[in-house]
Amino acid sequence: VYDTSYNPNPLAVNRGLDVNYLGDPGGSGNFFGN
């Protein structure tokens, strides 16, 4: 999830993925079915 806007940028150091970053769950897929 990002704040206000999401701006991928192939020329940026972090590819723009750090701009407006709010958070993520740290993993993917359901956790024991939840």
PDB file of all heavy atoms in Angstrom:
ATOM      1  N   VAL A   1       0.842  -1.188   0.000  1.00  0.00           N
ATOM      2  CA  VAL A   1       0.000   0.000   0.000  1.00  0.00           C
ATOM      3  C   VAL A   1       0.883   1.246   0.000  1.00  0.00           C
ATOM      4  O   VAL A   1       1.940   1.278   0.642  1.00  0.00           O
ATOM      5  CB  VAL A   1      -0.961   0.000   1.219  1.00  0.00           C
ATOM      6  CG1 VAL A   1      -0.197   0.026   2.530  1.00  0.00           C
ATOM      7  CG2 VAL A   1      -1.941   1.164   1.147  1.00  0.00           C
ATOM      8  N   TYR A   2       0.420   2.257  -0.748  1.00  0.00           N
ATOM      9  CA  TYR A   2       1.154   3.512  -0.901  1.00  0.00           C
ATOM     10  C   TYR A   2       0.237   4.688  -0.594  1.00  0.00           C
ATOM     11  O   TYR A   2      -0.987   4.599  -0.728  1.00  0.00           O
ATOM     12  CB  TYR A   2       1.705   3.636  -2.326  1.00  0.00           C
ATOM     13  CG  TYR A   2       2.914   2.747  -2.562  1.00  0.00           C
ATOM     14  CD1 TYR A   2       2.770   1.372  -2.705  1.00  0.00           C
ATOM     15  CD2 TYR A   2       4.194   3.283  -2.620  1.00  0.00           C
ATOM     16  CE1 TYR A   2       3.872   0.553  -2.895  1.00  0.00           C
ATOM     17  CE2 TYR A   2       5.309   2.473  -2.823  1.00  0.00           C
ATOM     18  CZ  TYR A   2       5.146   1.112  -2.955  1.00  0.00           C
ATOM     19  OH  TYR A   2       6.249   0.312  -3.131  1.00  0.00           O
ATOM     20  N   ASP A   3       0.851   5.786  -0.204  1.00  0.00           N
ATOM     21  CA  ASP A   3       0.118   6.991   0.146  1.00  0.00           C
ATOM     22  C   ASP A   3      -0.015   7.902  -1.067  1.00  0.00           C
ATOM     23  O   ASP A   3       0.993   8.305  -1.659  1.00  0.00           O
ATOM     24  CB  ASP A   3       0.847   7.718   1.279  1.00  0.00           C
ATOM     25  CG  ASP A   3       0.136   8.979   1.728  1.00  0.00           C
ATOM     26  OD1 ASP A   3      -1.067   9.104   1.438  1.00  0.00           O
ATOM     27  OD2 ASP A   3       0.781   9.834   2.359  1.00  0.00           O
ATOM     28  N   THR A   4      -1.246   8.198  -1.456  1.00  0.00           N
ATOM     29  CA  THR A   4      -1.584   9.184  -2.499  1.00  0.00           C
ATOM     30  C   THR A   4      -1.330   8.696  -3.924  1.00  0.00           C
ATOM     31  O   THR A   4      -2.184   8.810  -4.797  1.00  0.00           O
ATOM     32  CB  THR A   4      -0.832  10.518  -2.274  1.00  0.00           C
ATOM     33  OG1 THR A   4      -1.064  10.967  -0.939  1.00  0.00           O
ATOM     34  CG2 THR A   4      -1.315  11.568  -3.254  1.00  0.00           C
ATOM     35  N   SER A   5      -0.136   8.174  -4.210  1.00  0.00           N
ATOM     36  CA  SER A   5       0.155   7.742  -5.580  1.00  0.00           C
ATOM     37  C   SER A   5       1.229   6.670  -5.586  1.00  0.00           C
ATOM     38  O   SER A   5       1.997   6.515  -4.632  1.00  0.00           O
ATOM     39  CB  SER A   5       0.604   8.927  -6.434  1.00  0.00           C
ATOM     40  OG  SER A   5       1.832   9.457  -5.953  1.00  0.00           O
ATOM     41  N   TYR A   6       1.267   5.924  -6.677  1.00  0.00           N
ATOM     42  CA  TYR A   6       2.265   4.870  -6.892  1.00  0.00           C
ATOM     43  C   TYR A   6       3.004   5.187  -8.180  1.00  0.00           C
ATOM     44  O   TYR A   6       2.392   5.346  -9.229  1.00  0.00           O
ATOM     45  CB  TYR A   6       1.575   3.510  -6.992  1.00  0.00           C
ATOM     46  CG  TYR A   6       2.521   2.338  -7.169  1.00  0.00           C
ATOM     47  CD1 TYR A   6       3.457   2.023  -6.186  1.00  0.00           C
ATOM     48  CD2 TYR A   6       2.461   1.546  -8.310  1.00  0.00           C
ATOM     49  CE1 TYR A   6       4.310   0.943  -6.334  1.00  0.00           C
ATOM     50  CE2 TYR A   6       3.303   0.455  -8.463  1.00  0.00           C
ATOM     51  CZ  TYR A   6       4.230   0.170  -7.470  1.00  0.00           C
ATOM     52  OH  TYR A   6       5.084  -0.910  -7.618  1.00  0.00           O
ATOM     53  N   ASN A   7       4.344   5.313  -8.073  1.00  0.00           N
ATOM     54  CA  ASN A   7       5.104   5.836  -9.206  1.00  0.00           C
ATOM     55  C   ASN A   7       6.351   5.000  -9.524  1.00  0.00           C
ATOM     56  O   ASN A   7       7.478   5.410  -9.233  1.00  0.00           O
ATOM     57  CB  ASN A   7       5.531   7.279  -8.913  1.00  0.00           C
ATOM     58  CG  ASN A   7       4.365   8.162  -8.520  1.00  0.00           C
ATOM     59  OD1 ASN A   7       3.498   8.446  -9.329  1.00  0.00           O
ATOM     60  ND2 ASN A   7       4.337   8.595  -7.267  1.00  0.00           N
ATOM     61  N   PRO A   8       6.166   3.826 -10.128  1.00  0.00           N
ATOM     62  CA  PRO A   8       7.344   3.056 -10.543  1.00  0.00           C
ATOM     63  C   PRO A   8       8.183   3.860 -11.530  1.00  0.00           C
ATOM     64  O   PRO A   8       7.646   4.509 -12.432  1.00  0.00           O
ATOM     65  CB  PRO A   8       6.746   1.812 -11.211  1.00  0.00           C
ATOM     66  CG  PRO A   8       5.336   1.743 -10.732  1.00  0.00           C
ATOM     67  CD  PRO A   8       4.910   3.147 -10.485  1.00  0.00           C
ATOM     68  N   ASN A   9       9.490   3.811 -11.357  1.00  0.00           N
ATOM     69  CA  ASN A   9      10.395   4.593 -12.210  1.00  0.00           C
ATOM     70  C   ASN A   9      11.625   3.754 -12.532  1.00  0.00           C
ATOM     71  O   ASN A   9      12.449   3.488 -11.647  1.00  0.00           O
ATOM     72  CB  ASN A   9      10.793   5.883 -11.501  1.00  0.00           C
ATOM     73  CG  ASN A   9      11.675   6.778 -12.359  1.00  0.00           C
ATOM     74  OD1 ASN A   9      12.108   6.400 -13.444  1.00  0.00           O
ATOM     75  ND2 ASN A   9      11.944   7.967 -11.871  1.00  0.00           N
ATOM     76  N   PRO A  10      11.765   3.311 -13.759  1.00  0.00           N
ATOM     77  CA  PRO A  10      12.895   2.440 -14.114  1.00  0.00           C
ATOM     78  C   PRO A  10      14.254   3.116 -13.975  1.00  0.00           C
ATOM     79  O   PRO A  10      15.277   2.437 -13.948  1.00  0.00           O
ATOM     80  CB  PRO A  10      12.600   2.076 -15.575  1.00  0.00           C
ATOM     81  CG  PRO A  10      11.749   3.176 -16.087  1.00  0.00           C
ATOM     82  CD  PRO A  10      10.908   3.607 -14.930  1.00  0.00           C
ATOM     83  N   LEU A  11      14.287   4.448 -13.865  1.00  0.00           N
ATOM     84  CA  LEU A  11      15.555   5.165 -13.772  1.00  0.00           C
ATOM     85  C   LEU A  11      15.947   5.489 -12.336  1.00  0.00           C
ATOM     86  O   LEU A  11      17.083   5.905 -12.080  1.00  0.00           O
ATOM     87  CB  LEU A  11      15.487   6.462 -14.593  1.00  0.00           C
ATOM     88  CG  LEU A  11      15.162   6.298 -16.090  1.00  0.00           C
ATOM     89  CD1 LEU A  11      15.113   7.661 -16.766  1.00  0.00           C
ATOM     90  CD2 LEU A  11      16.188   5.397 -16.769  1.00  0.00           C
ATOM     91  N   ALA A  12      15.043   5.318 -11.385  1.00  0.00           N
ATOM     92  CA  ALA A  12      15.324   5.646  -9.984  1.00  0.00           C
ATOM     93  C   ALA A  12      16.119   4.523  -9.319  1.00  0.00           C
ATOM     94  O   ALA A  12      16.074   3.362  -9.744  1.00  0.00           O
ATOM     95  CB  ALA A  12      14.033   5.895  -9.235  1.00  0.00           C
ATOM     96  N   VAL A  13      16.826   4.885  -8.247  1.00  0.00           N
ATOM     97  CA  VAL A  13      17.665   3.897  -7.549  1.00  0.00           C
ATOM     98  C   VAL A  13      16.837   2.727  -7.054  1.00  0.00           C
ATOM     99  O   VAL A  13      17.194   1.562  -7.253  1.00  0.00           O
ATOM    100  CB  VAL A  13      18.399   4.568  -6.376  1.00  0.00           C
ATOM    101  CG1 VAL A  13      19.166   3.536  -5.568  1.00  0.00           C
ATOM    102  CG2 VAL A  13      19.341   5.654  -6.884  1.00  0.00           C
ATOM    103  N   ASN A  14      15.733   3.002  -6.419  1.00  0.00           N
ATOM    104  CA  ASN A  14      14.839   1.941  -5.928  1.00  0.00           C
ATOM    105  C   ASN A  14      13.674   1.704  -6.880  1.00  0.00           C
ATOM    106  O   ASN A  14      12.636   1.200  -6.469  1.00  0.00           O
ATOM    107  CB  ASN A  14      14.322   2.299  -4.537  1.00  0.00           C
ATOM    108  CG  ASN A  14      15.398   2.194  -3.476  1.00  0.00           C
ATOM    109  OD1 ASN A  14      16.060   1.165  -3.341  1.00  0.00           O
ATOM    110  ND2 ASN A  14      15.593   3.269  -2.715  1.00  0.00           N
ATOM    111  N   ARG A  15      13.882   2.073  -8.112  1.00  0.00           N
ATOM    112  CA  ARG A  15      12.850   1.927  -9.159  1.00  0.00           C
ATOM    113  C   ARG A  15      11.564   2.669  -8.796  1.00  0.00           C
ATOM    114  O   ARG A  15      10.483   2.330  -9.302  1.00  0.00           O
ATOM    115  CB  ARG A  15      12.546   0.450  -9.428  1.00  0.00           C
ATOM    116  CG  ARG A  15      13.747  -0.369  -9.863  1.00  0.00           C
ATOM    117  CD  ARG A  15      14.462   0.250 -11.041  1.00  0.00           C
ATOM    118  NE  ARG A  15      15.481  -0.626 -11.615  1.00  0.00           N
ATOM    119  CZ  ARG A  15      16.627  -0.195 -12.142  1.00  0.00           C
ATOM    120  NH1 ARG A  15      16.889   1.113 -12.143  1.00  0.00           N
ATOM    121  NH2 ARG A  15      17.477  -1.038 -12.663  1.00  0.00           N
ATOM    122  N   GLY A  16      11.677   3.652  -7.913  1.00  0.00           N
ATOM    123  CA  GLY A  16      10.515   4.443  -7.516  1.00  0.00           C
ATOM    124  C   GLY A  16       9.610   3.750  -6.528  1.00  0.00           C
ATOM    125  O   GLY A  16       8.602   4.334  -6.091  1.00  0.00           O
ATOM    126  N   LEU A  17       9.949   2.544  -6.118  1.00  0.00           N
ATOM    127  CA  LEU A  17       9.068   1.766  -5.245  1.00  0.00           C
ATOM    128  C   LEU A  17       9.127   2.234  -3.789  1.00  0.00           C
ATOM    129  O   LEU A  17       8.288   1.835  -2.978  1.00  0.00           O
ATOM    130  CB  LEU A  17       9.416   0.275  -5.326  1.00  0.00           C
ATOM    131  CG  LEU A  17       9.424  -0.344  -6.730  1.00  0.00           C
ATOM    132  CD1 LEU A  17       9.642  -1.849  -6.646  1.00  0.00           C
ATOM    133  CD2 LEU A  17       8.134  -0.026  -7.466  1.00  0.00           C
ATOM    134  N   ASP A  18      10.093   3.059  -3.457  1.00  0.00           N
ATOM    135  CA  ASP A  18      10.191   3.598  -2.093  1.00  0.00           C
ATOM    136  C   ASP A  18       9.403   4.892  -1.919  1.00  0.00           C
ATOM    137  O   ASP A  18       9.164   5.320  -0.790  1.00  0.00           O
ATOM    138  CB  ASP A  18      11.650   3.832  -1.721  1.00  0.00           C
ATOM    139  CG  ASP A  18      12.352   4.791  -2.680  1.00  0.00           C
ATOM    140  OD1 ASP A  18      11.946   4.856  -3.868  1.00  0.00           O
ATOM    141  OD2 ASP A  18      13.308   5.469  -2.253  1.00  0.00           O
ATOM    142  N   VAL A  19       8.996   5.518  -3.005  1.00  0.00           N
ATOM    143  CA  VAL A  19       8.275   6.793  -2.945  1.00  0.00           C
ATOM    144  C   VAL A  19       6.837   6.550  -2.473  1.00  0.00           C
ATOM    145  O   VAL A  19       6.103   5.750  -3.054  1.00  0.00           O
ATOM    146  CB  VAL A  19       8.274   7.484  -4.324  1.00  0.00           C
ATOM    147  CG1 VAL A  19       7.487   8.790  -4.261  1.00  0.00           C
ATOM    148  CG2 VAL A  19       9.700   7.726  -4.796  1.00  0.00           C
ATOM    149  N   ASN A  20       6.434   7.238  -1.404  1.00  0.00           N
ATOM    150  CA  ASN A  20       5.086   7.143  -0.834  1.00  0.00           C
ATOM    151  C   ASN A  20       4.778   5.774  -0.229  1.00  0.00           C
ATOM    152  O   ASN A  20       3.608   5.458   0.047  1.00  0.00           O
ATOM    153  CB  ASN A  20       4.014   7.472  -1.878  1.00  0.00           C
ATOM    154  CG  ASN A  20       4.109   8.887  -2.394  1.00  0.00           C
ATOM    155  OD1 ASN A  20       4.557   9.785  -1.690  1.00  0.00           O
ATOM    156  ND2 ASN A  20       3.703   9.098  -3.633  1.00  0.00           N
ATOM    157  N   TYR A  21       5.796   4.970   0.006  1.00  0.00           N
ATOM    158  CA  TYR A  21       5.584   3.633   0.571  1.00  0.00           C
ATOM    159  C   TYR A  21       4.995   3.722   1.979  1.00  0.00           C
ATOM    160  O   TYR A  21       5.483   4.461   2.826  1.00  0.00           O
ATOM    161  CB  TYR A  21       6.912   2.879   0.609  1.00  0.00           C
ATOM    162  CG  TYR A  21       6.888   1.576   1.368  1.00  0.00           C
ATOM    163  CD1 TYR A  21       6.420   0.404   0.776  1.00  0.00           C
ATOM    164  CD2 TYR A  21       7.335   1.515   2.690  1.00  0.00           C
ATOM    165  CE1 TYR A  21       6.406  -0.795   1.470  1.00  0.00           C
ATOM    166  CE2 TYR A  21       7.331   0.320   3.391  1.00  0.00           C
ATOM    167  CZ  TYR A  21       6.867  -0.828   2.784  1.00  0.00           C
ATOM    168  OH  TYR A  21       6.862  -2.019   3.479  1.00  0.00           O
ATOM    169  N   LEU A  22       3.923   2.944   2.230  1.00  0.00           N
ATOM    170  CA  LEU A  22       3.315   2.871   3.562  1.00  0.00           C
ATOM    171  C   LEU A  22       3.560   1.529   4.239  1.00  0.00           C
ATOM    172  O   LEU A  22       3.803   1.475   5.443  1.00  0.00           O
ATOM    173  CB  LEU A  22       1.809   3.125   3.483  1.00  0.00           C
ATOM    174  CG  LEU A  22       1.331   4.575   3.421  1.00  0.00           C
ATOM    175  CD1 LEU A  22      -0.200   4.614   3.353  1.00  0.00           C
ATOM    176  CD2 LEU A  22       1.813   5.366   4.624  1.00  0.00           C
ATOM    177  N   GLY A  23       3.468   0.447   3.491  1.00  0.00           N
ATOM    178  CA  GLY A  23       3.679  -0.848   4.121  1.00  0.00           C
ATOM    179  C   GLY A  23       3.310  -2.013   3.228  1.00  0.00           C
ATOM    180  O   GLY A  23       2.701  -1.862   2.169  1.00  0.00           O
ATOM    181  N   ASP A  24       3.680  -3.208   3.686  1.00  0.00           N
ATOM    182  CA  ASP A  24       3.327  -4.468   3.028  1.00  0.00           C
ATOM    183  C   ASP A  24       3.374  -5.560   4.086  1.00  0.00           C
ATOM    184  O   ASP A  24       3.965  -5.366   5.154  1.00  0.00           O
ATOM    185  CB  ASP A  24       4.270  -4.762   1.866  1.00  0.00           C
ATOM    186  CG  ASP A  24       5.655  -5.175   2.334  1.00  0.00           C
ATOM    187  OD1 ASP A  24       6.507  -4.278   2.530  1.00  0.00           O
ATOM    188  OD2 ASP A  24       5.894  -6.379   2.517  1.00  0.00           O
ATOM    189  N   PRO A  25       2.783  -6.724   3.829  1.00  0.00           N
ATOM    190  CA  PRO A  25       2.709  -7.764   4.864  1.00  0.00           C
ATOM    191  C   PRO A  25       4.008  -8.519   5.097  1.00  0.00           C
ATOM    192  O   PRO A  25       4.083  -9.342   6.022  1.00  0.00           O
ATOM    193  CB  PRO A  25       1.611  -8.691   4.353  1.00  0.00           C
ATOM    194  CG  PRO A  25       1.659  -8.534   2.871  1.00  0.00           C
ATOM    195  CD  PRO A  25       2.010  -7.086   2.632  1.00  0.00           C
ATOM    196  N   GLY A  26       5.019  -8.291   4.274  1.00  0.00           N
ATOM    197  CA  GLY A  26       6.284  -8.987   4.460  1.00  0.00           C
ATOM    198  C   GLY A  26       6.333 -10.359   3.832  1.00  0.00           C
ATOM    199  O   GLY A  26       7.378 -11.019   3.822  1.00  0.00           O
ATOM    200  N   GLY A  27       5.221 -10.814   3.304  1.00  0.00           N
ATOM    201  CA  GLY A  27       5.159 -12.122   2.660  1.00  0.00           C
ATOM    202  C   GLY A  27       3.955 -12.181   1.741  1.00  0.00           C
ATOM    203  O   GLY A  27       3.249 -11.187   1.556  1.00  0.00           O
ATOM    204  N   SER A  28       3.703 -13.350   1.184  1.00  0.00           N
ATOM    205  CA  SER A  28       2.589 -13.487   0.245  1.00  0.00           C
ATOM    206  C   SER A  28       1.920 -14.834   0.437  1.00  0.00           C
ATOM    207  O   SER A  28       2.515 -15.792   0.941  1.00  0.00           O
ATOM    208  CB  SER A  28       3.076 -13.321  -1.198  1.00  0.00           C
ATOM    209  OG  SER A  28       4.125 -14.235  -1.481  1.00  0.00           O
ATOM    210  N   GLY A  29       0.665 -14.904   0.024  1.00  0.00           N
ATOM    211  CA  GLY A  29      -0.112 -16.126   0.193  1.00  0.00           C
ATOM    212  C   GLY A  29      -0.774 -16.189   1.556  1.00  0.00           C
ATOM    213  O   GLY A  29      -0.297 -15.593   2.526  1.00  0.00           O
ATOM    214  N   ASN A  30      -1.897 -16.907   1.627  1.00  0.00           N
ATOM    215  CA  ASN A  30      -2.625 -17.038   2.882  1.00  0.00           C
ATOM    216  C   ASN A  30      -1.779 -17.738   3.941  1.00  0.00           C
ATOM    217  O   ASN A  30      -0.906 -18.552   3.640  1.00  0.00           O
ATOM    218  CB  ASN A  30      -3.932 -17.804   2.671  1.00  0.00           C
ATOM    219  CG  ASN A  30      -4.981 -16.960   1.982  1.00  0.00           C
ATOM    220  OD1 ASN A  30      -4.796 -15.764   1.775  1.00  0.00           O
ATOM    221  ND2 ASN A  30      -6.094 -17.576   1.619  1.00  0.00           N
ATOM    222  N   PHE A  31      -2.060 -17.383   5.203  1.00  0.00           N
ATOM    223  CA  PHE A  31      -1.312 -17.934   6.325  1.00  0.00           C
ATOM    224  C   PHE A  31      -2.154 -19.025   6.982  1.00  0.00           C
ATOM    225  O   PHE A  31      -3.135 -18.742   7.644  1.00  0.00           O
ATOM    226  CB  PHE A  31      -0.979 -16.816   7.319  1.00  0.00           C
ATOM    227  CG  PHE A  31      -0.086 -17.242   8.446  1.00  0.00           C
ATOM    228  CD1 PHE A  31       1.250 -17.505   8.220  1.00  0.00           C
ATOM    229  CD2 PHE A  31      -0.591 -17.378   9.732  1.00  0.00           C
ATOM    230  CE1 PHE A  31       2.077 -17.892   9.260  1.00  0.00           C
ATOM    231  CE2 PHE A  31       0.228 -17.765  10.772  1.00  0.00           C
ATOM    232  CZ  PHE A  31       1.568 -18.033  10.540  1.00  0.00           C
ATOM    233  N   PHE A  32      -1.783 -20.296   6.763  1.00  0.00           N
ATOM    234  CA  PHE A  32      -2.552 -21.433   7.272  1.00  0.00           C
ATOM    235  C   PHE A  32      -4.022 -21.328   6.904  1.00  0.00           C
ATOM    236  O   PHE A  32      -4.908 -21.559   7.727  1.00  0.00           O
ATOM    237  CB  PHE A  32      -2.395 -21.554   8.797  1.00  0.00           C
ATOM    238  CG  PHE A  32      -1.012 -21.959   9.236  1.00  0.00           C
ATOM    239  CD1 PHE A  32      -0.149 -21.020   9.785  1.00  0.00           C
ATOM    240  CD2 PHE A  32      -0.574 -23.267   9.084  1.00  0.00           C
ATOM    241  CE1 PHE A  32       1.128 -21.390  10.186  1.00  0.00           C
ATOM    242  CE2 PHE A  32       0.706 -23.645   9.482  1.00  0.00           C
ATOM    243  CZ  PHE A  32       1.556 -22.704  10.032  1.00  0.00           C
ATOM    244  N   GLY A  33      -4.279 -20.946   5.660  1.00  0.00           N
ATOM    245  CA  GLY A  33      -5.637 -20.851   5.152  1.00  0.00           C
ATOM    246  C   GLY A  33      -6.339 -19.543   5.436  1.00  0.00           C
ATOM    247  O   GLY A  33      -7.444 -19.324   4.949  1.00  0.00           O
ATOM    248  N   ASN A  34      -5.720 -18.681   6.224  1.00  0.00           N
ATOM    249  CA  ASN A  34      -6.318 -17.392   6.558  1.00  0.00           C
ATOM    250  C   ASN A  34      -5.662 -16.266   5.764  1.00  0.00           C
ATOM    251  O   ASN A  34      -4.455 -16.317   5.488  1.00  0.00           O
ATOM    252  CB  ASN A  34      -6.162 -17.106   8.049  1.00  0.00           C
ATOM    253  CG  ASN A  34      -6.903 -18.113   8.907  1.00  0.00           C
ATOM    254  OD1 ASN A  34      -8.066 -18.414   8.653  1.00  0.00           O
ATOM    255  ND2 ASN A  34      -6.237 -18.640   9.922  1.00  0.00           N
TER     256      ASN A  34
END
